[in-house]
């Protein structure tokens, strides 16, 4: 089902300007672990790291592999985040940005819809969906050696979207968040691998 959805998104790319939208899956995921490394503290991680207890959550039933920013891995397609603790201010003239990147260090293209990201917030009952409510469906092939970037802010800013870059503005409450995006490695083959990438960060607000 996931593969069909992504392939269908390719055709929808031509109709993106016509307002082709899909609703976001807002079902509350379980806090079961993905196929990434175990949730032990990664090498070099401070003992007081707020993400130590977050593990490597998975929100996809169809992913063949889940890769998280704060756990050790040897994946060719993987996410990075500029700050594990993001503490933006809103009472000055500056706009702080959190940069999340998806890297493709494999030998084949990685296909994804860069607008089909999902932001979850950790609660006492697991993870709740925060954003988005809907998204357009263009298809993008990330070539080997390339990276796609999402920049997140809690207030509006003038940074436009561009090639391999999407700006996101969400007025978020403090807490632990997971940014998720899923795609297919080698989507043109019969044995493409569905990879779920998770960037975790802790947001602090005054």
N, C-alpha and C. Protein backbone atom coordinates (compact mmCIF):
# COMPACT_ATOMS: atom_id res chain seq x y z
N UNK A 1 0.82 -1.20 0.00
CA UNK A 1 0.00 0.00 0.00
C UNK A 1 0.87 1.27 0.00
N UNK A 2 1.96 1.27 0.77
CA UNK A 2 2.80 2.45 0.84
C UNK A 2 3.45 2.72 -0.50
N UNK A 3 3.91 1.63 -1.14
CA UNK A 3 4.60 1.80 -2.41
C UNK A 3 3.65 2.38 -3.45
N UNK A 4 2.42 1.90 -3.49
CA UNK A 4 1.46 2.43 -4.43
C UNK A 4 1.20 3.90 -4.18
N UNK A 5 1.17 4.28 -2.90
CA UNK A 5 0.89 5.68 -2.58
C UNK A 5 2.00 6.58 -3.09
N UNK A 6 3.26 6.17 -2.93
CA UNK A 6 4.35 6.99 -3.38
C UNK A 6 4.41 7.05 -4.90
N UNK A 7 4.15 5.93 -5.57
CA UNK A 7 4.16 5.93 -7.02
C UNK A 7 3.04 6.82 -7.54
N UNK A 8 1.90 6.79 -6.87
CA UNK A 8 0.80 7.65 -7.28
C UNK A 8 1.14 9.11 -7.09
N UNK A 9 2.00 9.40 -6.11
CA UNK A 9 2.38 10.79 -5.89
C UNK A 9 3.16 11.35 -7.05
N UNK A 10 3.87 10.49 -7.78
CA UNK A 10 4.65 10.96 -8.90
C UNK A 10 3.75 11.57 -9.96
N UNK A 11 2.64 10.92 -10.23
CA UNK A 11 1.72 11.44 -11.21
C UNK A 11 1.07 12.71 -10.75
N UNK A 12 0.90 12.84 -9.46
CA UNK A 12 0.24 14.01 -8.91
C UNK A 12 1.14 15.23 -8.95
N UNK A 13 2.47 15.01 -9.13
CA UNK A 13 3.39 16.13 -9.13
C UNK A 13 3.02 17.13 -10.21
N UNK A 14 2.55 16.65 -11.36
CA UNK A 14 2.19 17.53 -12.45
C UNK A 14 0.97 18.36 -12.12
N UNK A 15 0.19 17.88 -11.15
CA UNK A 15 -1.04 18.59 -10.80
C UNK A 15 -0.92 19.36 -9.50
N UNK A 16 0.31 19.50 -8.98
CA UNK A 16 0.48 20.14 -7.68
C UNK A 16 -0.05 21.55 -7.68
N UNK A 17 0.19 22.28 -8.77
CA UNK A 17 -0.27 23.66 -8.80
C UNK A 17 -1.77 23.75 -8.89
N UNK A 18 -2.43 22.64 -9.20
CA UNK A 18 -3.89 22.64 -9.28
C UNK A 18 -4.52 22.33 -7.94
N UNK A 19 -3.68 22.19 -6.90
CA UNK A 19 -4.20 21.99 -5.55
C UNK A 19 -4.42 20.55 -5.20
N UNK A 20 -3.59 19.64 -5.73
CA UNK A 20 -3.72 18.22 -5.39
C UNK A 20 -3.27 18.04 -3.96
N UNK A 21 -4.17 17.62 -3.09
CA UNK A 21 -3.89 17.52 -1.67
C UNK A 21 -4.23 16.15 -1.14
N UNK A 22 -3.52 15.76 -0.10
CA UNK A 22 -3.87 14.56 0.65
C UNK A 22 -3.97 14.94 2.11
N UNK A 23 -4.89 14.30 2.82
CA UNK A 23 -5.00 14.54 4.25
C UNK A 23 -3.90 13.82 4.97
N UNK A 24 -3.48 14.38 6.10
CA UNK A 24 -2.43 13.76 6.88
C UNK A 24 -3.02 12.68 7.76
N UNK A 25 -2.24 11.63 7.98
CA UNK A 25 -2.66 10.55 8.87
C UNK A 25 -2.49 11.01 10.29
N UNK A 26 -3.62 11.34 10.97
CA UNK A 26 -3.52 11.87 12.32
C UNK A 26 -3.83 10.83 13.38
N UNK A 27 -3.78 9.55 13.00
CA UNK A 27 -4.00 8.51 13.99
C UNK A 27 -2.85 8.54 14.99
N UNK A 28 -3.16 8.31 16.25
CA UNK A 28 -2.13 8.32 17.28
C UNK A 28 -1.30 7.06 17.18
N UNK A 29 0.00 7.17 16.84
CA UNK A 29 0.83 5.98 16.68
C UNK A 29 1.14 5.36 18.03
N UNK A 30 1.55 4.12 17.99
CA UNK A 30 2.04 3.48 19.20
C UNK A 30 3.45 3.95 19.44
N UNK A 31 3.95 3.73 20.64
CA UNK A 31 5.32 4.10 20.92
C UNK A 31 6.20 2.87 20.86
N UNK A 32 5.91 1.99 19.87
CA UNK A 32 6.76 0.84 19.64
C UNK A 32 8.01 1.29 18.92
N UNK A 33 9.07 0.53 19.05
CA UNK A 33 10.34 0.91 18.47
C UNK A 33 10.41 0.46 17.03
N UNK A 34 11.20 1.21 16.23
CA UNK A 34 11.38 0.86 14.83
C UNK A 34 12.51 -0.13 14.69
N UNK A 35 13.00 -0.25 13.45
CA UNK A 35 14.04 -1.22 13.17
C UNK A 35 15.42 -0.62 13.32
N UNK A 36 15.52 0.57 13.91
CA UNK A 36 16.80 1.18 14.15
C UNK A 36 17.49 0.52 15.32
N UNK A 37 18.64 1.07 15.75
CA UNK A 37 19.37 0.50 16.87
C UNK A 37 18.54 0.57 18.14
N UNK A 38 18.99 -0.18 19.18
CA UNK A 38 18.23 -0.16 20.42
C UNK A 38 18.31 1.22 21.04
N UNK A 39 17.50 1.43 22.08
CA UNK A 39 17.36 2.78 22.62
C UNK A 39 18.37 3.09 23.71
N UNK A 40 19.49 2.39 23.72
CA UNK A 40 20.54 2.75 24.65
C UNK A 40 21.15 4.08 24.27
N UNK A 41 21.85 4.71 25.21
CA UNK A 41 22.46 5.99 24.95
C UNK A 41 23.57 5.83 23.92
N UNK A 42 23.52 6.53 22.78
CA UNK A 42 24.55 6.40 21.76
C UNK A 42 25.90 6.86 22.28
N UNK A 43 26.97 6.39 21.63
CA UNK A 43 28.31 6.79 22.01
C UNK A 43 28.46 8.30 21.93
N UNK A 44 28.97 8.90 22.97
CA UNK A 44 29.18 10.33 22.98
C UNK A 44 27.96 11.14 23.37
N UNK A 45 26.86 10.50 23.71
CA UNK A 45 25.66 11.22 24.10
C UNK A 45 25.72 11.58 25.58
N UNK A 46 25.52 12.85 25.95
CA UNK A 46 25.56 13.23 27.36
C UNK A 46 24.52 12.48 28.17
N UNK A 47 24.83 12.22 29.43
CA UNK A 47 23.91 11.45 30.28
C UNK A 47 22.60 12.18 30.50
N UNK A 48 22.62 13.54 30.41
CA UNK A 48 21.40 14.31 30.63
C UNK A 48 20.69 14.66 29.33
N UNK A 49 21.03 13.99 28.25
CA UNK A 49 20.39 14.23 26.96
C UNK A 49 18.89 13.98 27.10
N UNK A 50 18.02 14.96 26.77
CA UNK A 50 16.57 14.77 26.93
C UNK A 50 15.99 13.72 26.01
N UNK A 51 16.75 13.28 25.01
CA UNK A 51 16.24 12.30 24.06
C UNK A 51 16.62 10.87 24.42
N UNK A 52 17.36 10.71 25.51
CA UNK A 52 17.84 9.38 25.87
C UNK A 52 16.71 8.38 26.02
N UNK A 53 15.59 8.81 26.61
CA UNK A 53 14.48 7.90 26.87
C UNK A 53 13.48 7.82 25.72
N UNK A 54 13.73 8.55 24.65
CA UNK A 54 12.77 8.57 23.55
C UNK A 54 12.86 7.34 22.66
N UNK A 55 13.99 6.64 22.71
CA UNK A 55 14.16 5.48 21.85
C UNK A 55 14.22 5.88 20.39
N UNK A 56 13.88 4.95 19.52
CA UNK A 56 13.79 5.23 18.08
C UNK A 56 12.38 4.85 17.65
N UNK A 57 11.42 5.76 17.79
CA UNK A 57 10.02 5.42 17.51
C UNK A 57 9.77 5.23 16.02
N UNK A 58 8.76 4.44 15.71
CA UNK A 58 8.33 4.24 14.32
C UNK A 58 6.86 4.56 14.21
N UNK A 59 6.50 5.27 13.13
CA UNK A 59 5.11 5.65 12.91
C UNK A 59 4.58 5.08 11.60
N UNK A 60 5.33 4.19 10.99
CA UNK A 60 4.94 3.61 9.71
C UNK A 60 4.80 2.10 9.84
N UNK A 61 3.67 1.58 9.35
CA UNK A 61 3.46 0.13 9.37
C UNK A 61 4.13 -0.56 8.19
N UNK A 62 4.54 0.22 7.20
CA UNK A 62 5.06 -0.40 5.97
C UNK A 62 6.55 -0.18 5.77
N UNK A 63 7.22 0.50 6.70
CA UNK A 63 8.64 0.77 6.54
C UNK A 63 9.46 -0.51 6.71
N UNK A 64 10.43 -0.69 5.83
CA UNK A 64 11.37 -1.81 5.96
C UNK A 64 12.48 -1.48 6.94
N UNK A 65 12.72 -0.20 7.14
CA UNK A 65 13.80 0.24 8.02
C UNK A 65 13.45 1.60 8.61
N UNK A 66 13.76 1.80 9.90
CA UNK A 66 13.57 3.09 10.55
C UNK A 66 14.93 3.56 11.06
N UNK A 67 15.28 4.80 10.71
CA UNK A 67 16.58 5.37 11.09
C UNK A 67 16.33 6.66 11.87
N UNK A 68 16.93 6.77 13.06
CA UNK A 68 16.75 7.95 13.90
C UNK A 68 18.05 8.74 14.02
N UNK A 69 17.90 10.04 14.26
CA UNK A 69 19.07 10.92 14.32
C UNK A 69 19.97 10.64 15.51
N UNK A 70 19.40 10.25 16.63
CA UNK A 70 20.18 10.19 17.87
C UNK A 70 20.62 8.78 18.24
N UNK A 71 20.50 7.83 17.32
CA UNK A 71 20.95 6.47 17.59
C UNK A 71 22.00 6.06 16.57
N UNK A 72 22.90 5.18 16.96
CA UNK A 72 23.95 4.72 16.06
C UNK A 72 23.36 3.89 14.93
N UNK A 73 23.89 4.06 13.73
CA UNK A 73 23.41 3.30 12.57
C UNK A 73 24.48 3.33 11.48
N UNK A 74 24.31 2.47 10.49
CA UNK A 74 25.20 2.47 9.33
C UNK A 74 24.40 2.59 8.04
N UNK A 75 23.26 3.28 8.12
CA UNK A 75 22.36 3.41 6.98
C UNK A 75 22.93 4.37 5.94
N UNK A 76 22.62 4.09 4.67
CA UNK A 76 23.03 4.97 3.57
C UNK A 76 22.11 6.17 3.43
N UNK A 77 20.85 6.01 3.83
CA UNK A 77 19.89 7.11 3.84
C UNK A 77 19.57 7.40 5.30
N UNK A 78 19.84 8.62 5.73
CA UNK A 78 19.70 8.91 7.16
C UNK A 78 19.41 10.39 7.39
N UNK A 79 18.78 10.73 8.52
CA UNK A 79 18.49 12.13 8.86
C UNK A 79 19.53 12.70 9.82
N UNK A 80 19.66 14.02 9.80
CA UNK A 80 20.43 14.73 10.81
C UNK A 80 19.62 15.94 11.26
N UNK A 81 19.91 16.43 12.46
CA UNK A 81 19.22 17.61 12.99
C UNK A 81 20.26 18.56 13.55
N UNK A 82 20.08 19.86 13.33
CA UNK A 82 21.10 20.83 13.72
C UNK A 82 21.24 20.97 15.22
N UNK A 83 20.15 20.77 15.97
CA UNK A 83 20.18 20.91 17.42
C UNK A 83 19.28 19.86 18.07
N UNK A 84 19.81 19.17 19.06
CA UNK A 84 18.96 18.25 19.81
C UNK A 84 18.03 19.01 20.75
N UNK A 85 18.49 20.16 21.21
CA UNK A 85 17.67 21.05 22.04
C UNK A 85 17.50 22.36 21.27
N UNK A 86 16.27 22.67 20.90
CA UNK A 86 15.95 23.87 20.12
C UNK A 86 15.22 24.83 21.05
N UNK A 87 15.83 26.01 21.28
CA UNK A 87 15.27 26.98 22.23
C UNK A 87 15.10 28.33 21.55
N UNK A 88 14.11 28.46 20.68
CA UNK A 88 13.92 29.72 19.95
C UNK A 88 13.32 30.80 20.85
N UNK A 89 13.60 32.05 20.51
CA UNK A 89 13.00 33.19 21.20
C UNK A 89 12.06 33.91 20.24
N UNK A 90 11.06 34.56 20.78
CA UNK A 90 10.09 35.26 19.93
C UNK A 90 9.92 36.72 20.31
N UNK A 91 10.75 37.21 21.22
CA UNK A 91 10.60 38.59 21.69
C UNK A 91 11.74 39.48 21.21
N UNK A 92 12.37 39.10 20.11
CA UNK A 92 13.44 39.92 19.55
C UNK A 92 13.32 39.93 18.03
N UNK A 93 14.32 40.49 17.37
CA UNK A 93 14.27 40.63 15.91
C UNK A 93 14.84 39.43 15.18
N UNK A 94 15.31 38.43 15.90
CA UNK A 94 15.90 37.26 15.25
C UNK A 94 14.87 36.15 15.10
N UNK A 95 15.11 35.30 14.12
CA UNK A 95 14.27 34.12 13.90
C UNK A 95 15.18 32.90 13.89
N UNK A 96 15.08 32.08 14.92
CA UNK A 96 15.91 30.88 14.99
C UNK A 96 15.31 29.77 14.14
N UNK A 97 16.18 29.01 13.50
CA UNK A 97 15.75 27.92 12.63
C UNK A 97 16.36 26.61 13.09
N UNK A 98 15.57 25.56 13.06
CA UNK A 98 16.06 24.21 13.28
C UNK A 98 16.18 23.56 11.91
N UNK A 99 17.35 23.05 11.59
CA UNK A 99 17.58 22.46 10.27
C UNK A 99 17.58 20.93 10.37
N UNK A 100 16.70 20.32 9.61
CA UNK A 100 16.62 18.86 9.52
C UNK A 100 17.00 18.47 8.10
N UNK A 101 17.93 17.54 7.96
CA UNK A 101 18.37 17.13 6.63
C UNK A 101 18.24 15.63 6.46
N UNK A 102 17.90 15.23 5.24
CA UNK A 102 17.86 13.82 4.87
C UNK A 102 18.96 13.60 3.84
N UNK A 103 19.90 12.73 4.16
CA UNK A 103 21.07 12.48 3.32
C UNK A 103 20.92 11.17 2.57
N UNK A 104 21.30 11.18 1.30
CA UNK A 104 21.33 9.96 0.50
C UNK A 104 22.77 9.66 0.14
N UNK A 105 23.37 8.73 0.86
CA UNK A 105 24.74 8.32 0.60
C UNK A 105 24.78 6.94 -0.07
N UNK A 106 23.64 6.51 -0.58
CA UNK A 106 23.57 5.22 -1.26
C UNK A 106 23.98 5.32 -2.72
N UNK A 107 23.82 4.21 -3.44
CA UNK A 107 24.20 4.15 -4.85
C UNK A 107 23.03 4.40 -5.79
N UNK A 108 21.82 4.52 -5.26
CA UNK A 108 20.63 4.72 -6.09
C UNK A 108 19.85 5.92 -5.59
N UNK A 109 18.91 6.39 -6.40
CA UNK A 109 18.10 7.54 -6.00
C UNK A 109 17.19 7.13 -4.84
N UNK A 110 16.77 8.13 -4.08
CA UNK A 110 15.82 7.92 -3.00
C UNK A 110 14.60 8.77 -3.33
N UNK A 111 13.46 8.12 -3.55
CA UNK A 111 12.25 8.83 -3.92
C UNK A 111 11.40 9.15 -2.71
N UNK A 112 10.87 10.37 -2.68
CA UNK A 112 10.02 10.77 -1.56
C UNK A 112 9.15 11.94 -1.97
N UNK A 113 8.11 12.18 -1.18
CA UNK A 113 7.34 13.42 -1.27
C UNK A 113 7.82 14.32 -0.13
N UNK A 114 8.59 15.35 -0.42
CA UNK A 114 9.15 16.18 0.66
C UNK A 114 8.12 16.96 1.45
N UNK A 115 6.88 17.02 0.94
CA UNK A 115 5.82 17.70 1.66
C UNK A 115 5.02 16.75 2.55
N UNK A 116 5.28 15.45 2.44
CA UNK A 116 4.57 14.47 3.26
C UNK A 116 5.38 14.16 4.52
N UNK A 117 5.82 15.21 5.17
CA UNK A 117 6.48 15.05 6.46
C UNK A 117 5.41 15.00 7.55
N UNK A 118 5.82 14.57 8.72
CA UNK A 118 4.88 14.50 9.84
C UNK A 118 5.61 14.89 11.11
N UNK A 119 4.95 15.71 11.93
CA UNK A 119 5.53 16.15 13.19
C UNK A 119 4.70 15.60 14.34
N UNK A 120 5.36 14.86 15.23
CA UNK A 120 4.70 14.24 16.38
C UNK A 120 5.28 14.82 17.68
N UNK A 121 4.43 14.87 18.71
CA UNK A 121 4.87 15.33 20.03
C UNK A 121 4.66 14.22 21.04
N UNK A 122 5.69 13.97 21.86
CA UNK A 122 5.61 12.90 22.85
C UNK A 122 4.75 13.35 24.03
N UNK A 123 3.82 12.47 24.42
CA UNK A 123 2.96 12.72 25.57
C UNK A 123 3.06 11.54 26.52
N UNK A 124 2.31 11.61 27.61
CA UNK A 124 2.30 10.50 28.55
C UNK A 124 1.66 9.25 27.98
N UNK A 125 0.90 9.39 26.90
CA UNK A 125 0.22 8.26 26.28
C UNK A 125 0.88 7.80 24.99
N UNK A 126 2.06 8.33 24.69
CA UNK A 126 2.73 7.96 23.44
C UNK A 126 3.05 9.20 22.62
N UNK A 127 2.76 9.15 21.32
CA UNK A 127 3.05 10.26 20.43
C UNK A 127 1.75 10.73 19.78
N UNK A 128 1.55 12.05 19.76
CA UNK A 128 0.37 12.62 19.12
C UNK A 128 0.77 13.40 17.87
N UNK A 129 -0.11 13.35 16.86
CA UNK A 129 0.16 14.07 15.62
C UNK A 129 -0.06 15.56 15.82
N UNK A 130 0.88 16.37 15.33
CA UNK A 130 0.80 17.83 15.47
C UNK A 130 0.54 18.51 14.13
N UNK A 131 1.28 18.11 13.11
CA UNK A 131 1.17 18.76 11.80
C UNK A 131 1.80 17.84 10.75
N UNK A 132 1.42 18.05 9.46
CA UNK A 132 0.42 18.97 8.92
C UNK A 132 -0.94 18.30 8.84
N UNK A 133 -1.95 19.07 8.50
CA UNK A 133 -3.29 18.52 8.32
C UNK A 133 -3.48 17.99 6.90
N UNK A 134 -2.79 18.59 5.94
CA UNK A 134 -2.84 18.13 4.55
C UNK A 134 -1.57 18.57 3.85
N UNK A 135 -1.32 18.01 2.67
CA UNK A 135 -0.09 18.33 1.96
C UNK A 135 -0.30 18.09 0.46
N UNK A 136 0.51 18.76 -0.35
CA UNK A 136 0.49 18.50 -1.78
C UNK A 136 1.32 17.26 -2.06
N UNK A 137 1.22 16.73 -3.27
CA UNK A 137 1.83 15.43 -3.55
C UNK A 137 2.81 15.44 -4.73
N UNK A 138 3.83 16.27 -4.69
CA UNK A 138 4.87 16.14 -5.72
C UNK A 138 5.82 15.00 -5.36
N UNK A 139 6.46 14.44 -6.35
CA UNK A 139 7.42 13.37 -6.14
C UNK A 139 8.81 13.90 -6.42
N UNK A 140 9.77 13.56 -5.59
CA UNK A 140 11.13 14.06 -5.77
C UNK A 140 12.11 12.91 -5.65
N UNK A 141 13.06 12.85 -6.57
CA UNK A 141 14.12 11.85 -6.53
C UNK A 141 15.40 12.49 -6.03
N UNK A 142 15.84 12.07 -4.87
CA UNK A 142 17.07 12.59 -4.26
C UNK A 142 18.23 11.74 -4.77
N UNK A 143 19.12 12.36 -5.53
CA UNK A 143 20.22 11.63 -6.16
C UNK A 143 21.27 11.23 -5.13
N UNK A 144 22.08 10.21 -5.44
CA UNK A 144 23.17 9.84 -4.54
C UNK A 144 24.09 11.03 -4.27
N UNK A 145 24.43 11.21 -3.01
CA UNK A 145 25.29 12.32 -2.62
C UNK A 145 24.55 13.60 -2.30
N UNK A 146 23.24 13.65 -2.55
CA UNK A 146 22.46 14.85 -2.27
C UNK A 146 21.80 14.77 -0.89
N UNK A 147 21.33 15.92 -0.43
CA UNK A 147 20.60 16.00 0.83
C UNK A 147 19.40 16.93 0.64
N UNK A 148 18.30 16.62 1.31
CA UNK A 148 17.12 17.49 1.30
C UNK A 148 17.02 18.14 2.67
N UNK A 149 16.65 19.42 2.70
CA UNK A 149 16.63 20.18 3.94
C UNK A 149 15.25 20.73 4.25
N UNK A 150 14.83 20.56 5.48
CA UNK A 150 13.64 21.22 6.02
C UNK A 150 14.11 22.17 7.12
N UNK A 151 13.64 23.41 7.11
CA UNK A 151 13.95 24.34 8.19
C UNK A 151 12.66 24.64 8.95
N UNK A 152 12.73 24.47 10.26
CA UNK A 152 11.56 24.65 11.12
C UNK A 152 11.74 25.88 11.99
N UNK A 153 10.70 26.71 12.06
CA UNK A 153 10.70 27.86 12.96
C UNK A 153 9.34 27.94 13.65
N UNK A 154 9.29 28.67 14.76
CA UNK A 154 8.04 28.82 15.49
C UNK A 154 7.35 30.14 15.17
N UNK A 155 7.95 30.93 14.29
CA UNK A 155 7.35 32.18 13.84
C UNK A 155 7.69 32.40 12.38
N UNK A 156 6.88 33.17 11.69
CA UNK A 156 7.07 33.37 10.26
C UNK A 156 8.39 34.05 9.97
N UNK A 157 8.94 33.73 8.79
CA UNK A 157 10.22 34.30 8.38
C UNK A 157 10.25 34.34 6.86
N UNK A 158 11.15 35.11 6.27
CA UNK A 158 11.12 35.30 4.82
C UNK A 158 11.80 34.22 4.00
N UNK A 159 12.32 33.17 4.61
CA UNK A 159 13.04 32.15 3.85
C UNK A 159 12.09 31.40 2.93
N UNK A 160 12.31 31.47 1.62
CA UNK A 160 11.42 30.77 0.67
C UNK A 160 11.81 29.31 0.51
N UNK A 161 10.89 28.53 -0.05
CA UNK A 161 11.24 27.18 -0.44
C UNK A 161 12.15 27.24 -1.67
N UNK A 162 12.93 26.21 -1.88
CA UNK A 162 13.82 26.17 -3.03
C UNK A 162 14.10 24.74 -3.41
N UNK A 163 15.06 24.57 -4.30
CA UNK A 163 15.43 23.23 -4.71
C UNK A 163 16.03 22.48 -3.52
N UNK A 164 15.45 21.34 -3.20
CA UNK A 164 15.87 20.51 -2.08
C UNK A 164 15.76 21.25 -0.75
N UNK A 165 14.76 22.14 -0.62
CA UNK A 165 14.58 22.87 0.64
C UNK A 165 13.11 23.23 0.83
N UNK A 166 12.60 22.96 2.02
CA UNK A 166 11.23 23.33 2.39
C UNK A 166 11.25 24.03 3.74
N UNK A 167 10.56 25.17 3.84
CA UNK A 167 10.45 25.90 5.09
C UNK A 167 9.14 25.54 5.79
N UNK A 168 9.21 25.34 7.09
CA UNK A 168 8.05 24.97 7.90
C UNK A 168 7.92 25.95 9.06
N UNK A 169 6.72 26.47 9.28
CA UNK A 169 6.47 27.34 10.42
C UNK A 169 5.34 26.75 11.25
N UNK A 170 5.62 26.43 12.50
CA UNK A 170 4.63 25.88 13.42
C UNK A 170 4.86 26.49 14.80
N UNK A 171 3.83 27.07 15.39
CA UNK A 171 3.93 27.63 16.74
C UNK A 171 3.76 26.49 17.74
N UNK A 172 4.86 25.89 18.12
CA UNK A 172 4.85 24.66 18.92
C UNK A 172 5.00 24.94 20.41
N UNK A 173 4.38 24.07 21.21
CA UNK A 173 4.59 24.09 22.65
C UNK A 173 5.90 23.39 22.99
N UNK A 174 6.37 23.59 24.19
CA UNK A 174 7.58 22.91 24.63
C UNK A 174 7.32 21.41 24.69
N UNK A 175 8.38 20.63 24.47
CA UNK A 175 8.24 19.18 24.54
C UNK A 175 9.23 18.48 23.64
N UNK A 176 9.11 17.16 23.58
CA UNK A 176 9.95 16.33 22.72
C UNK A 176 9.19 16.02 21.44
N UNK A 177 9.83 16.25 20.30
CA UNK A 177 9.18 16.10 19.01
C UNK A 177 9.94 15.11 18.12
N UNK A 178 9.18 14.49 17.23
CA UNK A 178 9.75 13.61 16.21
C UNK A 178 9.29 14.11 14.85
N UNK A 179 10.25 14.40 13.97
CA UNK A 179 9.95 14.80 12.60
C UNK A 179 10.17 13.57 11.73
N UNK A 180 9.13 13.15 11.01
CA UNK A 180 9.19 11.91 10.25
C UNK A 180 9.00 12.17 8.76
N UNK A 181 9.77 11.48 7.95
CA UNK A 181 9.56 11.47 6.50
C UNK A 181 9.92 10.07 6.01
N UNK A 182 9.15 9.58 5.05
CA UNK A 182 9.34 8.22 4.54
C UNK A 182 9.49 8.26 3.03
N UNK A 183 10.36 7.40 2.51
CA UNK A 183 10.56 7.33 1.07
C UNK A 183 11.03 5.95 0.66
N UNK A 184 11.39 5.82 -0.62
CA UNK A 184 11.76 4.53 -1.17
C UNK A 184 13.14 4.61 -1.81
N UNK A 185 14.06 3.78 -1.36
CA UNK A 185 15.37 3.67 -1.98
C UNK A 185 15.26 2.82 -3.23
N UNK A 186 15.81 3.31 -4.33
CA UNK A 186 15.74 2.63 -5.63
C UNK A 186 14.29 2.36 -6.02
N UNK A 187 13.47 3.42 -6.13
CA UNK A 187 12.03 3.24 -6.36
C UNK A 187 11.68 2.63 -7.71
N UNK A 188 12.60 2.66 -8.67
CA UNK A 188 12.30 2.10 -9.98
C UNK A 188 12.48 0.60 -10.07
N UNK A 189 13.02 -0.02 -9.04
CA UNK A 189 13.26 -1.46 -9.08
C UNK A 189 12.10 -2.21 -8.43
N UNK A 190 12.13 -3.52 -8.58
CA UNK A 190 11.08 -4.36 -7.98
C UNK A 190 11.32 -4.61 -6.50
N UNK A 191 12.51 -4.30 -6.02
CA UNK A 191 12.82 -4.56 -4.61
C UNK A 191 13.24 -3.28 -3.89
N UNK A 192 12.56 -2.17 -4.19
CA UNK A 192 12.85 -0.93 -3.50
C UNK A 192 12.60 -1.05 -2.00
N UNK A 193 13.41 -0.37 -1.21
CA UNK A 193 13.33 -0.43 0.24
C UNK A 193 12.66 0.82 0.80
N UNK A 194 11.60 0.65 1.57
CA UNK A 194 10.91 1.78 2.19
C UNK A 194 11.63 2.14 3.49
N UNK A 195 12.12 3.37 3.56
CA UNK A 195 12.91 3.83 4.71
C UNK A 195 12.20 4.98 5.40
N UNK A 196 12.02 4.83 6.69
CA UNK A 196 11.42 5.87 7.52
C UNK A 196 12.54 6.59 8.28
N UNK A 197 12.62 7.90 8.12
CA UNK A 197 13.65 8.69 8.80
C UNK A 197 13.00 9.54 9.89
N UNK A 198 13.60 9.51 11.08
CA UNK A 198 13.05 10.21 12.24
C UNK A 198 14.11 11.15 12.82
N UNK A 199 13.79 12.44 12.88
CA UNK A 199 14.66 13.42 13.53
C UNK A 199 14.00 13.83 14.84
N UNK A 200 14.66 13.55 15.95
CA UNK A 200 14.11 13.90 17.25
C UNK A 200 14.79 15.14 17.82
N UNK A 201 14.01 15.96 18.50
CA UNK A 201 14.58 17.14 19.14
C UNK A 201 13.68 17.55 20.31
N UNK A 202 14.28 18.27 21.24
CA UNK A 202 13.55 18.79 22.39
C UNK A 202 13.38 20.30 22.20
N UNK A 203 12.14 20.77 22.30
CA UNK A 203 11.85 22.19 22.12
C UNK A 203 11.63 22.86 23.47
N UNK A 204 12.36 23.93 23.71
CA UNK A 204 12.20 24.70 24.94
C UNK A 204 11.62 26.06 24.60
N UNK A 205 10.60 26.47 25.34
CA UNK A 205 9.98 27.78 25.14
C UNK A 205 10.01 28.56 26.45
N UNK A 206 10.14 29.87 26.35
CA UNK A 206 10.12 30.72 27.55
C UNK A 206 8.73 30.73 28.16
